[in-house]
PDB file of N, CA and C in Angstrom:
ATOM      1  N   UNK A   1      78.523 -56.857  -4.883  1.00  0.00           N
ATOM      2  CA  UNK A   1      79.764 -57.387  -5.413  1.00  0.00           C
ATOM      3  C   UNK A   1      80.659 -56.212  -5.806  1.00  0.00           C
ATOM      4  N   UNK A   2      81.928 -56.296  -5.464  1.00  0.00           N
ATOM      5  CA  UNK A   2      82.892 -55.253  -5.791  1.00  0.00           C
ATOM      6  C   UNK A   2      83.648 -55.622  -7.060  1.00  0.00           C
ATOM      7  N   UNK A   3      84.040 -54.600  -7.817  1.00  0.00           N
ATOM      8  CA  UNK A   3      84.904 -54.827  -8.965  1.00  0.00           C
ATOM      9  C   UNK A   3      86.327 -54.988  -8.460  1.00  0.00           C
ATOM     10  N   UNK A   4      86.935 -56.121  -8.744  1.00  0.00           N
ATOM     11  CA  UNK A   4      88.290 -56.411  -8.275  1.00  0.00           C
ATOM     12  C   UNK A   4      89.168 -56.683  -9.481  1.00  0.00           C
ATOM     13  N   UNK A   5      90.357 -56.067  -9.490  1.00  0.00           N
ATOM     14  CA  UNK A   5      91.298 -56.287 -10.579  1.00  0.00           C
ATOM     15  C   UNK A   5      92.661 -56.659 -10.028  1.00  0.00           C
ATOM     16  N   UNK A   6      93.428 -57.339 -10.842  1.00  0.00           N
ATOM     17  CA  UNK A   6      94.816 -57.677 -10.538  1.00  0.00           C
ATOM     18  C   UNK A   6      95.581 -57.483 -11.843  1.00  0.00           C
ATOM     19  N   UNK A   7      96.567 -56.602 -11.827  1.00  0.00           N
ATOM     20  CA  UNK A   7      97.306 -56.259 -13.052  1.00  0.00           C
ATOM     21  C   UNK A   7      96.348 -55.837 -14.162  1.00  0.00           C
ATOM     22  N   UNK A   8      95.362 -55.011 -13.792  1.00  0.00           N
ATOM     23  CA  UNK A   8      94.372 -54.458 -14.715  1.00  0.00           C
ATOM     24  C   UNK A   8      93.460 -55.511 -15.353  1.00  0.00           C
ATOM     25  N   UNK A   9      93.404 -56.702 -14.777  1.00  0.00           N
ATOM     26  CA  UNK A   9      92.540 -57.778 -15.263  1.00  0.00           C
ATOM     27  C   UNK A   9      91.454 -58.030 -14.228  1.00  0.00           C
ATOM     28  N   UNK A  10      90.199 -58.094 -14.664  1.00  0.00           N
ATOM     29  CA  UNK A  10      89.086 -58.368 -13.749  1.00  0.00           C
ATOM     30  C   UNK A  10      89.190 -59.796 -13.235  1.00  0.00           C
ATOM     31  N   UNK A  11      89.075 -59.935 -11.916  1.00  0.00           N
ATOM     32  CA  UNK A  11      89.225 -61.254 -11.291  1.00  0.00           C
ATOM     33  C   UNK A  11      88.132 -61.455 -10.247  1.00  0.00           C
ATOM     34  N   UNK A  12      87.987 -62.704  -9.804  1.00  0.00           N
ATOM     35  CA  UNK A  12      87.200 -62.959  -8.605  1.00  0.00           C
ATOM     36  C   UNK A  12      88.056 -63.754  -7.638  1.00  0.00           C
ATOM     37  N   UNK A  13      87.769 -63.565  -6.363  1.00  0.00           N
ATOM     38  CA  UNK A  13      88.535 -64.215  -5.306  1.00  0.00           C
ATOM     39  C   UNK A  13      87.793 -65.483  -4.900  1.00  0.00           C
ATOM     40  N   UNK A  14      88.463 -66.626  -5.066  1.00  0.00           N
ATOM     41  CA  UNK A  14      87.862 -67.914  -4.728  1.00  0.00           C
ATOM     42  C   UNK A  14      88.006 -68.222  -3.245  1.00  0.00           C
ATOM     43  N   UNK A  15      89.199 -67.963  -2.708  1.00  0.00           N
ATOM     44  CA  UNK A  15      89.489 -68.372  -1.336  1.00  0.00           C
ATOM     45  C   UNK A  15      90.449 -67.376  -0.694  1.00  0.00           C
ATOM     46  N   UNK A  16      90.197 -67.053   0.570  1.00  0.00           N
ATOM     47  CA  UNK A  16      91.082 -66.194   1.353  1.00  0.00           C
ATOM     48  C   UNK A  16      91.712 -67.041   2.448  1.00  0.00           C
ATOM     49  N   UNK A  17      93.041 -67.085   2.456  1.00  0.00           N
ATOM     50  CA  UNK A  17      93.788 -67.813   3.489  1.00  0.00           C
ATOM     51  C   UNK A  17      94.343 -66.774   4.455  1.00  0.00           C
ATOM     52  N   UNK A  18      93.574 -66.476   5.488  1.00  0.00           N
ATOM     53  CA  UNK A  18      93.965 -65.430   6.439  1.00  0.00           C
ATOM     54  C   UNK A  18      95.245 -65.775   7.183  1.00  0.00           C
ATOM     55  N   UNK A  19      95.475 -67.039   7.455  1.00  0.00           N
ATOM     56  CA  UNK A  19      96.655 -67.458   8.202  1.00  0.00           C
ATOM     57  C   UNK A  19      97.935 -67.138   7.430  1.00  0.00           C
ATOM     58  N   UNK A  20      97.920 -67.356   6.107  1.00  0.00           N
ATOM     59  CA  UNK A  20      99.111 -67.106   5.289  1.00  0.00           C
ATOM     60  C   UNK A  20      99.074 -65.765   4.569  1.00  0.00           C
ATOM     61  N   UNK A  21      97.963 -65.031   4.650  1.00  0.00           N
ATOM     62  CA  UNK A  21      97.841 -63.741   3.995  1.00  0.00           C
ATOM     63  C   UNK A  21      97.803 -63.844   2.476  1.00  0.00           C
ATOM     64  N   UNK A  22      97.213 -64.935   1.966  1.00  0.00           N
ATOM     65  CA  UNK A  22      97.133 -65.132   0.523  1.00  0.00           C
ATOM     66  C   UNK A  22      95.688 -65.367   0.089  1.00  0.00           C
ATOM     67  N   UNK A  23      95.458 -65.150  -1.200  1.00  0.00           N
ATOM     68  CA  UNK A  23      94.152 -65.406  -1.801  1.00  0.00           C
ATOM     69  C   UNK A  23      94.338 -66.254  -3.047  1.00  0.00           C
ATOM     70  N   UNK A  24      93.335 -67.069  -3.352  1.00  0.00           N
ATOM     71  CA  UNK A  24      93.292 -67.785  -4.623  1.00  0.00           C
ATOM     72  C   UNK A  24      92.325 -67.019  -5.516  1.00  0.00           C
ATOM     73  N   UNK A  25      92.798 -66.605  -6.698  1.00  0.00           N
ATOM     74  CA  UNK A  25      91.980 -65.801  -7.599  1.00  0.00           C
ATOM     75  C   UNK A  25      91.847 -66.464  -8.962  1.00  0.00           C
ATOM     76  N   UNK A  26      90.809 -66.048  -9.706  1.00  0.00           N
ATOM     77  CA  UNK A  26      90.574 -66.506 -11.072  1.00  0.00           C
ATOM     78  C   UNK A  26      90.285 -65.289 -11.939  1.00  0.00           C
ATOM     79  N   UNK A  27      90.742 -65.312 -13.172  1.00  0.00           N
ATOM     80  CA  UNK A  27      90.417 -64.288 -14.156  1.00  0.00           C
ATOM     81  C   UNK A  27      88.957 -64.456 -14.570  1.00  0.00           C
ATOM     82  N   UNK A  28      88.224 -63.351 -14.729  1.00  0.00           N
ATOM     83  CA  UNK A  28      86.856 -63.443 -15.221  1.00  0.00           C
ATOM     84  C   UNK A  28      86.831 -63.853 -16.690  1.00  0.00           C
ATOM     85  N   UNK A  29      87.847 -63.436 -17.446  1.00  0.00           N
ATOM     86  CA  UNK A  29      87.917 -63.793 -18.870  1.00  0.00           C
ATOM     87  C   UNK A  29      88.385 -65.233 -19.083  1.00  0.00           C
ATOM     88  N   UNK A  30      89.201 -65.735 -18.165  1.00  0.00           N
ATOM     89  CA  UNK A  30      89.751 -67.096 -18.265  1.00  0.00           C
ATOM     90  C   UNK A  30      89.566 -67.798 -16.919  1.00  0.00           C
ATOM     91  N   UNK A  31      88.357 -68.249 -16.605  1.00  0.00           N
ATOM     92  CA  UNK A  31      88.060 -68.801 -15.275  1.00  0.00           C
ATOM     93  C   UNK A  31      88.921 -70.001 -14.878  1.00  0.00           C
ATOM     94  N   UNK A  32      89.466 -70.721 -15.850  1.00  0.00           N
ATOM     95  CA  UNK A  32      90.305 -71.869 -15.494  1.00  0.00           C
ATOM     96  C   UNK A  32      91.698 -71.442 -15.059  1.00  0.00           C
ATOM     97  N   UNK A  33      92.040 -70.166 -15.264  1.00  0.00           N
ATOM     98  CA  UNK A  33      93.347 -69.641 -14.855  1.00  0.00           C
ATOM     99  C   UNK A  33      93.288 -69.294 -13.373  1.00  0.00           C
ATOM    100  N   UNK A  34      93.981 -70.085 -12.562  1.00  0.00           N
ATOM    101  CA  UNK A  34      93.980 -69.913 -11.107  1.00  0.00           C
ATOM    102  C   UNK A  34      95.356 -69.424 -10.665  1.00  0.00           C
ATOM    103  N   UNK A  35      95.384 -68.430  -9.771  1.00  0.00           N
ATOM    104  CA  UNK A  35      96.636 -67.899  -9.239  1.00  0.00           C
ATOM    105  C   UNK A  35      96.508 -67.691  -7.743  1.00  0.00           C
ATOM    106  N   UNK A  36      97.622 -67.780  -7.063  1.00  0.00           N
ATOM    107  CA  UNK A  36      97.687 -67.453  -5.646  1.00  0.00           C
ATOM    108  C   UNK A  36      98.390 -66.112  -5.533  1.00  0.00           C
ATOM    109  N   UNK A  37      97.795 -65.196  -4.780  1.00  0.00           N
ATOM    110  CA  UNK A  37      98.342 -63.848  -4.642  1.00  0.00           C
ATOM    111  C   UNK A  37      98.432 -63.462  -3.170  1.00  0.00           C
ATOM    112  N   UNK A  38      99.276 -62.479  -2.920  1.00  0.00           N
ATOM    113  CA  UNK A  38      99.433 -61.915  -1.583  1.00  0.00           C
ATOM    114  C   UNK A  38      98.526 -60.698  -1.492  1.00  0.00           C
ATOM    115  N   UNK A  39      97.753 -60.608  -0.448  1.00  0.00           N
ATOM    116  CA  UNK A  39      96.812 -59.514  -0.252  1.00  0.00           C
ATOM    117  C   UNK A  39      97.500 -58.379   0.492  1.00  0.00           C
ATOM    118  N   UNK A  40      97.451 -57.170  -0.066  1.00  0.00           N
ATOM    119  CA  UNK A  40      98.075 -56.004   0.547  1.00  0.00           C
ATOM    120  C   UNK A  40      97.078 -54.852   0.579  1.00  0.00           C
ATOM    121  N   UNK A  41      96.329 -54.700   1.683  1.00  0.00           N
ATOM    122  CA  UNK A  41      95.360 -53.602   1.744  1.00  0.00           C
ATOM    123  C   UNK A  41      96.056 -52.262   1.943  1.00  0.00           C
ATOM    124  N   UNK A  42      95.487 -51.193   1.369  1.00  0.00           N
ATOM    125  CA  UNK A  42      96.015 -49.841   1.552  1.00  0.00           C
ATOM    126  C   UNK A  42      94.824 -48.884   1.645  1.00  0.00           C
ATOM    127  N   UNK A  43      94.915 -47.917   2.510  1.00  0.00           N
ATOM    128  CA  UNK A  43      93.822 -46.977   2.700  1.00  0.00           C
ATOM    129  C   UNK A  43      94.143 -45.665   1.988  1.00  0.00           C
ATOM    130  N   UNK A  44      93.207 -45.200   1.155  1.00  0.00           N
ATOM    131  CA  UNK A  44      93.370 -43.942   0.430  1.00  0.00           C
ATOM    132  C   UNK A  44      92.060 -43.173   0.515  1.00  0.00           C
ATOM    133  N   UNK A  45      92.104 -41.979   1.065  1.00  0.00           N
ATOM    134  CA  UNK A  45      90.924 -41.111   1.125  1.00  0.00           C
ATOM    135  C   UNK A  45      89.710 -41.829   1.723  1.00  0.00           C
ATOM    136  N   UNK A  46      89.913 -42.539   2.796  1.00  0.00           N
ATOM    137  CA  UNK A  46      88.854 -43.260   3.514  1.00  0.00           C
ATOM    138  C   UNK A  46      88.256 -44.411   2.719  1.00  0.00           C
ATOM    139  N   UNK A  47      88.809 -44.754   1.581  1.00  0.00           N
ATOM    140  CA  UNK A  47      88.358 -45.909   0.805  1.00  0.00           C
ATOM    141  C   UNK A  47      89.403 -47.000   0.910  1.00  0.00           C
ATOM    142  N   UNK A  48      88.965 -48.216   0.935  1.00  0.00           N
ATOM    143  CA  UNK A  48      89.889 -49.343   1.005  1.00  0.00           C
ATOM    144  C   UNK A  48      90.237 -49.783  -0.408  1.00  0.00           C
ATOM    145  N   UNK A  49      91.510 -49.757  -0.722  1.00  0.00           N
ATOM    146  CA  UNK A  49      91.991 -50.287  -1.991  1.00  0.00           C
ATOM    147  C   UNK A  49      92.758 -51.560  -1.688  1.00  0.00           C
ATOM    148  N   UNK A  50      92.544 -52.571  -2.474  1.00  0.00           N
ATOM    149  CA  UNK A  50      93.231 -53.843  -2.271  1.00  0.00           C
ATOM    150  C   UNK A  50      94.224 -54.032  -3.392  1.00  0.00           C
ATOM    151  N   UNK A  51      95.466 -54.288  -3.025  1.00  0.00           N
ATOM    152  CA  UNK A  51      96.504 -54.571  -4.007  1.00  0.00           C
ATOM    153  C   UNK A  51      96.837 -56.054  -3.934  1.00  0.00           C
ATOM    154  N   UNK A  52      96.814 -56.712  -5.069  1.00  0.00           N
ATOM    155  CA  UNK A  52      97.131 -58.128  -5.136  1.00  0.00           C
ATOM    156  C   UNK A  52      98.476 -58.285  -5.826  1.00  0.00           C
ATOM    157  N   UNK A  53      99.352 -59.039  -5.205  1.00  0.00           N
ATOM    158  CA  UNK A  53     100.692 -59.249  -5.744  1.00  0.00           C
ATOM    159  C   UNK A  53     100.862 -60.741  -5.981  1.00  0.00           C
ATOM    160  N   UNK A  54     101.249 -61.104  -7.227  1.00  0.00           N
ATOM    161  CA  UNK A  54     101.463 -62.514  -7.550  1.00  0.00           C
ATOM    162  C   UNK A  54     102.584 -63.108  -6.710  1.00  0.00           C
ATOM    163  N   UNK A  55     102.405 -64.328  -6.279  1.00  0.00           N
ATOM    164  CA  UNK A  55     103.425 -65.060  -5.540  1.00  0.00           C
ATOM    165  C   UNK A  55     104.160 -65.936  -6.514  1.00  0.00           C
ATOM    166  N   UNK A  56     105.465 -65.849  -6.520  1.00  0.00           N
ATOM    167  CA  UNK A  56     106.274 -66.668  -7.445  1.00  0.00           C
ATOM    168  C   UNK A  56     106.563 -68.028  -6.861  1.00  0.00           C
TER     169      UNK A  56
END
């Protein structure tokens, strides 16, 4: 399992919608808090970093 954060908050990814390029995420501290985010991968020093951007 990888440590994943969004806006410095630990989250888990519930669902990946590859067709729309979005993910459904939940806060680990507040599991009932559900958000849809845009997935933006970026490569740095041969490591994959994932940037999640909230969709308004």
